[in-house]
Protein backbone atom coordinates (compact mmCIF):
# COMPACT_ATOMS: atom_id res chain seq x y z
CA MET A 1 81.79 12.37 -62.87
CA ARG A 2 80.23 12.78 -66.37
CA ASN A 3 82.52 12.03 -69.32
CA ILE A 4 83.18 14.99 -71.60
CA TRP A 5 82.14 14.51 -75.20
CA THR A 6 85.07 14.75 -77.61
CA GLU A 7 84.84 16.61 -80.88
CA LYS A 8 85.30 13.34 -82.73
CA GLU A 9 82.40 11.71 -80.85
CA THR A 10 80.14 14.69 -81.42
CA LYS A 11 80.88 14.84 -85.15
CA TYR A 12 80.28 11.11 -85.55
CA LEU A 13 77.00 11.21 -83.58
CA ILE A 14 75.63 14.11 -85.64
CA GLN A 15 76.67 12.49 -88.92
CA GLN A 16 75.10 9.12 -88.11
CA VAL A 17 71.87 10.39 -86.55
CA GLY A 18 71.40 13.70 -88.30
CA ASP A 19 72.53 12.79 -91.81
CA LYS A 20 72.09 9.03 -92.09
CA LYS A 21 69.04 8.98 -89.82
CA ILE A 22 70.40 6.08 -87.78
CA HIS A 23 68.68 5.65 -84.41
CA PRO A 24 70.98 6.31 -81.39
CA VAL A 25 70.28 2.90 -79.94
CA ASP A 26 71.94 1.28 -82.99
CA LEU A 27 75.20 3.18 -82.29
CA ILE A 28 75.66 1.93 -78.73
CA PRO A 29 77.09 -1.61 -79.41
CA GLY A 30 80.25 -0.47 -81.25
CA TRP A 31 80.77 2.85 -79.49
CA LYS A 32 83.27 1.72 -76.84
CA GLU A 33 85.40 -0.12 -79.35
CA MET A 34 85.49 2.95 -81.61
CA PHE A 35 86.01 5.74 -79.02
CA GLY A 36 86.89 3.99 -75.77
CA THR A 37 83.94 5.48 -73.88
CA VAL A 38 80.53 4.17 -72.95
CA ARG A 39 77.51 6.20 -74.04
CA THR A 40 73.92 5.43 -73.10
CA MET A 41 70.89 6.26 -75.14
CA ASP A 42 69.90 8.97 -72.61
CA SER A 43 73.33 10.60 -72.87
CA MET A 44 73.17 10.55 -76.68
CA ILE A 45 69.69 12.04 -76.68
CA ALA A 46 70.84 14.79 -74.30
CA LYS A 47 73.87 15.55 -76.50
CA LEU A 48 71.76 15.68 -79.65
CA ALA A 49 69.40 18.09 -77.93
CA ARG A 50 72.30 20.36 -77.00
CA GLU A 51 73.55 20.26 -80.60
CA GLY A 52 70.06 20.94 -81.98
CA VAL A 53 69.84 17.67 -83.90
CA ALA A 54 66.43 15.97 -84.08
CA TYR A 55 66.24 12.21 -83.95
CA GLY A 56 62.51 11.67 -83.42
CA ASN A 57 61.89 10.12 -86.85
CA ASN A 58 64.93 7.89 -86.77
CA LEU A 59 64.15 4.20 -86.60
CA THR A 60 66.20 1.38 -85.21
CA ASN A 61 67.12 -1.49 -87.48
CA ALA A 62 64.56 -3.60 -85.69
CA GLN A 63 61.96 -0.90 -86.19
CA LYS A 64 62.75 -0.64 -89.93
CA GLU A 65 62.02 -4.32 -90.35
CA ALA A 66 58.89 -4.15 -88.20
CA LYS A 67 55.38 -3.55 -89.40
CA PRO A 68 53.63 -0.22 -88.67
CA ALA A 69 51.51 -1.80 -85.92
CA ASP A 70 54.64 -3.25 -84.28
CA ILE A 71 56.39 0.11 -84.50
CA LYS A 72 53.47 1.85 -82.75
CA LYS A 73 53.56 -0.72 -79.97
CA GLN A 74 57.31 -0.31 -79.61
CA VAL A 75 57.00 3.48 -79.36
CA ILE A 76 54.35 3.16 -76.65
CA GLN A 77 56.53 0.66 -74.82
CA ASP A 78 59.56 2.95 -75.04
CA VAL A 79 57.56 5.84 -73.61
CA LYS A 80 56.29 3.69 -70.75
CA GLU A 81 59.78 2.40 -69.96
CA HIS A 82 61.21 5.92 -69.98
CA SER A 83 58.45 7.17 -67.68
CA LEU A 84 58.86 4.22 -65.33
CA LYS A 85 62.61 4.80 -65.16
CA ARG A 86 62.07 8.39 -64.09
CA GLU A 87 59.52 7.38 -61.45
CA LEU A 88 61.84 4.66 -60.22
CA ASN A 89 64.74 7.08 -59.88
CA THR A 90 62.54 9.45 -57.88
CA LEU A 91 61.37 6.67 -55.58
CA VAL A 92 64.90 5.40 -55.08
CA GLN A 93 66.06 8.88 -54.05
CA LYS A 94 63.20 9.29 -51.59
CA TYR A 95 63.83 5.84 -50.17
CA LYS A 96 67.49 6.65 -49.62
CA GLU A 97 66.61 9.86 -47.78
CA LEU A 98 63.96 8.18 -45.65
CA SER A 99 66.04 5.13 -44.87
CA HIS A 100 68.96 7.35 -43.91
CA SER A 101 66.89 9.39 -41.43
CA GLN A 102 65.28 6.28 -39.98
CA ASP A 103 68.62 4.60 -39.81
CA VAL A 104 70.07 7.46 -37.74
CA GLY A 105 67.12 7.38 -35.34
CA ASP A 106 67.24 3.60 -35.02
CA ARG A 107 70.97 3.66 -34.38
CA VAL A 108 70.58 6.31 -31.66
CA ILE A 109 67.83 4.29 -29.96
CA GLU A 110 69.90 1.10 -30.14
CA LEU A 111 72.92 2.94 -28.76
CA VAL A 112 70.91 4.33 -25.84
CA LYS A 113 69.54 0.88 -25.07
CA ASP A 114 73.06 -0.54 -25.09
CA ILE A 115 74.71 2.01 -22.81
CA ALA A 116 71.84 3.17 -20.54
CA PRO A 117 72.07 1.57 -17.10
CA ARG A 118 69.12 -0.41 -15.76
CA LEU A 119 67.90 0.94 -12.45
CA PRO A 120 67.31 -1.62 -9.74
CA GLU A 121 63.83 -2.72 -8.77
CA VAL A 122 62.35 -0.62 -6.00
CA LYS A 123 59.79 -1.92 -3.55
CA PHE A 124 57.27 0.35 -1.88
CA ALA A 125 58.34 0.99 1.71
CA TRP A 126 56.29 3.88 3.15
CA GLU A 127 57.28 5.15 6.53
CA LYS A 128 55.08 7.19 8.80
CA PRO A 129 56.28 10.81 8.76
CA SER A 130 57.93 12.24 11.83
CA ALA A 131 55.66 13.81 14.40
CA LYS A 132 57.97 16.82 14.45
CA LYS A 133 56.29 19.87 12.93
CA THR A 134 57.73 22.71 10.87
CA ASN A 135 57.63 26.17 12.43
CA GLU A 136 56.51 28.94 10.11
CA THR A 137 54.83 32.35 10.03
CA ALA A 138 51.70 32.77 7.94
CA ILE A 139 51.23 35.85 5.74
CA LEU A 140 47.96 37.16 4.33
CA LEU A 141 47.94 39.84 1.65
CA LEU A 142 44.67 41.73 2.09
CA GLY A 143 44.12 44.58 -0.33
CA ASP A 144 42.10 46.37 -2.97
CA THR A 145 38.88 45.71 -1.08
CA HIS A 146 37.38 48.93 -2.53
CA ILE A 147 34.85 49.28 0.26
CA GLY A 148 32.02 51.55 -0.87
CA GLU A 149 32.13 50.69 -4.57
CA THR A 150 29.21 48.98 -6.31
CA VAL A 151 29.48 46.76 -9.39
CA ASP A 152 26.14 46.26 -11.13
CA LYS A 153 25.68 42.60 -12.09
CA GLU A 154 23.59 43.44 -15.15
CA GLU A 155 26.00 46.06 -16.40
CA VAL A 156 28.90 43.56 -16.40
CA MET A 157 26.79 40.88 -18.10
CA GLY A 158 26.61 38.68 -15.02
CA LEU A 159 30.39 38.24 -14.77
CA GLY A 160 30.42 39.55 -11.21
CA GLU A 161 28.81 41.73 -8.58
CA TYR A 162 30.03 43.88 -5.71
CA ASN A 163 28.60 45.97 -2.90
CA PHE A 164 29.07 46.23 0.84
CA ASP A 165 27.10 43.05 1.51
CA VAL A 166 29.25 41.11 -0.99
CA PHE A 167 32.36 42.52 0.69
CA ALA A 168 31.17 41.34 4.12
CA ARG A 169 30.40 37.86 2.74
CA ARG A 170 33.73 37.55 0.97
CA MET A 171 35.55 38.56 4.12
CA LYS A 172 33.71 35.82 6.00
CA PHE A 173 34.49 33.30 3.24
CA LEU A 174 38.14 34.38 3.34
CA ALA A 175 38.22 33.62 7.08
CA GLN A 176 36.63 30.21 6.51
CA SER A 177 39.11 29.38 3.74
CA ILE A 178 42.10 30.29 5.91
CA LYS A 179 40.69 28.25 8.78
CA SER A 180 40.13 25.22 6.54
CA ILE A 181 43.66 25.37 5.14
CA THR A 182 45.27 25.91 8.55
CA VAL A 183 43.36 23.14 10.33
CA LYS A 184 43.09 20.52 7.56
CA LYS A 185 46.05 21.05 5.21
CA LEU A 186 48.83 22.57 7.32
CA THR A 187 48.78 19.71 9.82
CA GLY A 188 52.54 19.34 9.64
CA TYR A 189 53.16 22.98 10.57
CA THR A 190 53.22 25.00 13.74
CA ILE A 191 52.14 28.51 12.78
CA ASP A 192 53.45 30.86 15.43
CA LYS A 193 52.06 34.06 13.95
CA LEU A 194 49.84 35.54 11.24
CA VAL A 195 51.03 38.72 9.55
CA ILE A 196 48.27 40.57 7.71
CA MET A 197 49.63 43.02 5.18
CA MET A 198 46.97 45.43 3.94
CA MET A 199 47.92 46.51 0.44
CA GLY A 200 45.95 49.76 0.05
CA ASP A 201 42.78 50.82 -1.78
CA MET A 202 40.81 49.46 1.14
CA ILE A 203 38.34 52.30 0.57
CA THR A 204 37.19 53.07 -2.97
CA GLY A 205 37.22 56.80 -2.17
CA GLN A 206 35.63 59.80 -3.81
CA ILE A 207 38.15 61.08 -6.36
CA HIS A 208 36.73 58.98 -9.22
CA GLU A 209 33.29 60.28 -10.06
CA ASP A 210 32.36 57.33 -12.27
CA ILE A 211 32.55 54.84 -9.38
CA MET A 212 30.92 56.93 -6.65
CA THR A 213 27.47 55.78 -5.63
CA GLY A 214 24.58 57.49 -3.92
CA GLY A 215 24.79 55.20 -0.89
CA GLU A 216 26.26 55.81 2.54
CA SER A 217 28.66 58.69 3.16
CA MET A 218 32.41 58.13 3.12
CA VAL A 219 32.56 58.25 6.92
CA VAL A 220 29.96 55.52 7.30
CA GLN A 221 31.67 53.39 4.64
CA VAL A 222 34.98 53.72 6.47
CA LEU A 223 33.44 52.91 9.85
CA GLN A 224 31.46 49.92 8.64
CA GLY A 225 34.37 48.62 6.55
CA ALA A 226 36.70 48.88 9.54
CA TYR A 227 34.07 47.17 11.70
CA VAL A 228 33.82 44.16 9.33
CA THR A 229 37.61 43.99 8.91
CA ALA A 230 38.11 44.05 12.68
CA GLN A 231 35.70 41.11 13.06
CA PHE A 232 37.72 39.21 10.46
CA ILE A 233 40.98 39.90 12.35
CA LEU A 234 39.41 38.78 15.63
CA GLU A 235 38.45 35.49 13.95
CA MET A 236 42.05 35.11 12.79
CA GLN A 237 43.22 35.68 16.36
CA GLN A 238 41.29 32.56 17.33
CA LEU A 239 43.44 30.53 14.89
CA PHE A 240 46.90 31.99 15.51
CA PRO A 241 48.70 32.79 18.79
CA GLU A 242 49.69 36.24 17.52
CA VAL A 243 48.38 38.49 14.78
CA GLU A 244 50.27 41.47 13.39
CA VAL A 245 48.44 43.90 11.11
CA GLU A 246 50.27 46.37 8.89
CA GLY A 247 49.22 48.44 5.91
CA VAL A 248 50.23 50.81 3.12
CA LEU A 249 48.21 53.54 1.44
CA GLY A 250 46.51 53.20 -1.93
CA ASN A 251 45.55 55.81 -4.50
CA HIS A 252 41.75 55.52 -4.40
CA GLY A 253 41.51 56.83 -0.85
CA ARG A 254 43.19 60.17 -1.58
CA LEU A 255 41.26 63.17 -0.30
CA PHE A 256 42.25 65.27 -3.30
CA GLN A 257 41.81 64.66 -7.01
CA LYS A 258 45.37 65.66 -7.84
CA LYS A 259 48.03 63.51 -6.25
CA ARG A 260 50.06 65.18 -3.53
CA TYR A 261 53.39 63.89 -2.32
CA LYS A 262 53.41 65.71 0.99
CA ARG A 263 51.00 64.49 3.66
CA GLY A 264 50.20 61.45 1.58
CA TYR A 265 48.47 60.01 4.63
CA ASP A 266 45.58 62.44 4.00
CA ASN A 267 43.90 59.36 2.72
CA TRP A 268 40.75 57.40 3.59
CA ASP A 269 42.90 54.26 3.82
CA TYR A 270 44.85 55.80 6.71
CA ILE A 271 41.62 56.76 8.48
CA PHE A 272 40.30 53.24 7.86
CA TYR A 273 43.45 51.75 9.40
CA GLN A 274 43.11 53.91 12.50
CA PHE A 275 39.54 52.72 13.08
CA VAL A 276 40.61 49.09 12.61
CA SER A 277 43.32 49.66 15.19
CA THR A 278 40.78 51.29 17.54
CA PHE A 279 38.36 48.36 17.23
CA LEU A 280 41.15 45.95 18.14
CA ALA A 281 42.75 48.03 20.90
CA MET A 282 41.57 45.76 23.73
CA ASN A 283 43.18 42.62 22.22
CA THR A 284 46.80 42.50 23.38
CA GLN A 285 47.68 39.59 21.09
CA ILE A 286 46.93 41.74 18.04
CA LYS A 287 49.47 44.39 17.06
CA CYS A 288 48.80 47.10 14.46
CA ASN A 289 51.35 49.19 12.58
CA PHE A 290 50.24 51.64 9.91
CA PRO A 291 53.09 53.94 8.81
CA LYS A 292 52.57 57.22 6.96
CA GLY A 293 55.27 56.56 4.36
CA PRO A 294 54.84 55.40 0.73
CA PHE A 295 55.95 51.86 1.46
CA LEU A 296 56.50 49.46 4.33
CA LEU A 297 59.66 47.60 5.34
CA ARG A 298 59.70 44.74 7.79
CA LYS A 299 61.43 41.46 8.58
CA ILE A 300 59.94 38.05 9.14
CA TYR A 301 62.69 35.97 10.71
CA ASP A 302 65.73 37.28 8.77
CA TRP A 303 63.88 37.76 5.51
CA GLY A 304 63.37 41.33 4.33
CA PHE A 305 59.95 42.33 2.94
CA LEU A 306 59.06 45.46 0.99
CA VAL A 307 55.34 46.27 0.73
CA LEU A 308 53.86 49.00 -1.46
CA HIS A 309 50.56 49.59 -3.23
CA GLY A 310 52.00 50.10 -6.72
CA ASP A 311 49.94 52.97 -8.15
CA ASP A 312 53.09 54.85 -9.19
CA ILE A 313 54.16 51.94 -11.39
CA ARG A 314 53.42 52.70 -15.03
CA SER A 315 52.18 50.17 -17.53
CA TRP A 316 53.30 49.87 -21.15
CA MET A 317 50.52 48.82 -23.54
CA GLY A 318 48.51 47.66 -20.54
CA ILE A 319 51.32 45.43 -19.26
CA PRO A 320 52.92 46.51 -15.94
CA PHE A 321 55.85 44.07 -16.18
CA TYR A 322 58.50 46.58 -17.24
CA GLY A 323 57.24 49.25 -14.85
CA ILE A 324 57.26 46.79 -11.93
CA GLN A 325 60.76 45.63 -12.75
CA ARG A 326 62.13 49.15 -13.16
CA THR A 327 60.52 50.39 -9.92
CA MET A 328 61.78 47.41 -7.94
CA TRP A 329 65.31 47.83 -9.23
CA LYS A 330 65.37 51.50 -8.28
CA LEU A 331 63.92 50.84 -4.84
CA GLY A 332 66.35 47.96 -4.38
CA ASP A 333 69.31 50.19 -5.19
CA LEU A 334 68.00 52.89 -2.84
CA LEU A 335 67.50 50.51 0.07
CA GLN A 336 70.71 48.60 -0.53
CA GLY A 337 72.57 51.89 -0.33
CA GLN A 338 71.14 52.25 3.17
CA GLY A 339 72.22 48.74 4.12
CA ILE A 340 68.68 47.34 3.88
CA GLN A 341 68.33 43.97 2.18
CA VAL A 342 65.01 43.05 0.60
CA HIS A 343 64.24 39.46 -0.40
CA PHE A 344 60.52 39.74 -1.24
CA ARG A 345 58.60 42.61 -2.80
CA LEU A 346 54.82 42.66 -2.36
CA ILE A 347 52.51 44.91 -4.38
CA GLY A 348 48.79 45.29 -5.10
CA HIS A 349 46.88 47.77 -7.29
CA PHE A 350 46.68 45.67 -10.49
CA HIS A 351 43.78 43.44 -9.38
CA ASN A 352 45.54 40.32 -10.69
CA THR A 353 47.81 37.85 -8.95
CA GLY A 354 51.27 37.17 -10.28
CA GLU A 355 54.86 36.28 -9.46
CA LEU A 356 58.10 37.57 -10.99
CA ASP A 357 61.25 35.79 -9.92
CA ARG A 358 64.18 38.14 -10.40
CA THR A 359 67.73 38.37 -9.07
CA PRO A 360 67.05 41.43 -6.86
CA GLY A 361 64.28 39.46 -5.12
CA GLU A 362 60.99 37.78 -5.88
CA ILE A 363 58.08 40.08 -6.74
CA ILE A 364 54.60 38.96 -5.69
CA ILE A 365 51.43 40.71 -6.92
CA ASN A 366 48.25 40.37 -4.89
CA GLY A 367 44.76 40.29 -6.38
CA SER A 368 41.71 42.23 -5.21
CA MET A 369 38.56 41.72 -3.15
CA ILE A 370 36.31 43.42 -5.69
CA GLY A 371 37.40 41.53 -8.81
CA GLY A 372 36.36 42.92 -12.18
CA THR A 373 34.41 46.15 -12.57
CA GLU A 374 32.57 48.08 -15.27
CA TYR A 375 35.78 50.05 -15.81
CA SER A 376 38.04 47.00 -16.28
CA LEU A 377 35.53 45.30 -18.58
CA LYS A 378 34.82 48.26 -20.85
CA ARG A 379 38.26 49.86 -20.85
CA PHE A 380 40.53 46.79 -20.93
CA MET A 381 38.17 43.90 -21.79
CA ASP A 382 39.40 42.28 -18.58
CA PHE A 383 37.53 40.92 -15.57
CA GLY A 384 39.94 39.63 -12.93
CA ARG A 385 38.79 37.18 -10.27
CA PRO A 386 38.60 38.38 -6.64
CA THR A 387 41.66 36.77 -5.07
CA GLN A 388 43.81 37.24 -1.96
CA LEU A 389 47.11 35.47 -1.30
CA PHE A 390 47.82 33.34 1.79
CA MET A 391 51.45 32.23 2.21
CA GLY A 392 53.96 30.72 4.61
CA CYS A 393 57.45 31.87 5.54
CA HIS A 394 60.16 29.56 6.91
CA LYS A 395 63.14 30.94 8.80
CA ASP A 396 65.68 29.16 6.57
CA ILE A 397 63.85 28.94 3.23
CA GLY A 398 61.80 32.11 3.00
CA LEU A 399 58.38 31.94 1.36
CA THR A 400 57.17 28.36 1.00
CA TRP A 401 53.53 27.29 0.45
CA ARG A 402 51.14 29.69 -1.26
CA TYR A 403 47.38 29.65 -1.68
CA PRO A 404 45.56 32.04 -4.03
CA LEU A 405 42.19 32.19 -2.28
CA ARG A 406 39.41 32.71 -4.83
CA LEU A 407 36.48 34.62 -3.37
CA ASP A 408 33.95 34.04 -6.17
CA LEU A 409 33.48 30.31 -5.68
CA PRO A 410 30.00 28.77 -5.56
CA GLY A 411 28.32 29.16 -2.20
CA VAL A 412 29.91 32.47 -1.20
CA ASP A 413 26.60 34.29 -1.73
CA THR A 414 24.89 31.97 0.78
CA ILE A 415 27.34 32.67 3.61
CA THR A 416 26.12 34.73 6.53
CA PRO A 417 28.21 37.93 6.38
CA TYR A 418 29.90 39.70 9.23
CA VAL A 419 27.62 41.95 11.26
CA TYR A 420 27.06 45.53 10.16
CA ASN A 421 24.10 47.88 10.57
CA THR A 422 22.24 45.49 12.87
CA SER A 423 19.47 46.39 15.25
CA GLU A 424 21.86 45.83 18.15
CA ASN A 425 24.47 48.13 16.62
CA SER A 426 22.71 50.49 14.22
CA SER A 427 26.03 51.51 12.75
CA ALA A 428 29.73 50.99 13.20
CA GLY A 429 29.83 54.47 14.70
CA ASP A 430 27.64 53.29 17.58
CA TYR A 431 29.96 50.35 18.08
CA ILE A 432 33.00 52.62 18.27
CA LYS A 433 31.25 54.83 20.77
CA GLU A 434 30.42 51.78 22.87
CA MET A 435 34.04 50.60 22.72
CA MET A 436 35.36 54.00 23.74
CA GLU A 437 33.00 54.12 26.72
CA LYS A 438 34.20 50.67 27.83
CA LYS A 439 37.82 51.85 27.66
CA LYS A 440 36.96 54.76 29.96
């Protein structure tokens, strides 16, 4: 604590320095004996400054006896010493702070080293896995194929392309990808069934004038799209003992510009589903279920699944997160009130894959077959990749492995697409007619 200057000390200091012009350094030797306190030159200088007393011209006794050249040297030396003292004090303070922080870190590290247990040495001892396989059901989310829409490669700056031929090739590539994963990667699994959940917007429709093309009519697009999709499902039936196909309705396939909530199945998606079902009618190991309602409920083992397209979910500033969460909560409350438990909620519509893990149940968003379009690029500066989700479901765990299957990988454009409009079958309509005649 700093000593307080007494009135007697102050008066004496002013008299000696201010009146007699004695240098403060000459007062230090006898100060303690006279007043009982110790005063340094710095403290005297500070006190004189507070009292408004100048001492700059005062000379020490040694300086009075010195020559002018010696006095100049002494002044320079005093200035240097004072400056060095200040620098030294600053460095000492910084050193203390740094050494303190390093000291804390070093002590923590040393403490950890002292108390942390040493784990024993482990030797590699690999054992061949059991031949027993895991039983699961495979799930494919197939949606937003937008059959009938065309994306001009030049208009989207080469970021993508889409037309019916690209759709047929991507469907074939999707089949090859699923086959490769099932045969080569899922070797430790027994897949008893494939559930294909069609997520809506299978047909791009005619209610949006800016995406309608001058190509084939809606009927032909539906027939040919169903024909290609049926071929894909038949190929899946060669991989899995059973195939179940279900679907919900999207918004693009509506027959009317304004959305109607009654007879919502007046929709090209519903017509598309019926033709897919008709194509597959002779295959007893394939089951189709296409309800007319706004969403689909089903169980895989004891796990509850809710499937809906998602076009009624509103986005906020282009982000659908809050709308998805709010819609799922409301639906969850509605279904829970009816004693229906939902563990997984599956939606499409947004053309981007995603997962939201929430207490009411995990939410999984499927991608699209078409990918980015002129609309998404110019309106939202976004160009999503064409992606469909392939997943597994275990009876005790629920959803397990998941593969986002990218359909724009190199080589897709060289794949031979599924058959459509061939010389043998000039159109899917001819094929349907042939199938119907065989049934008779």
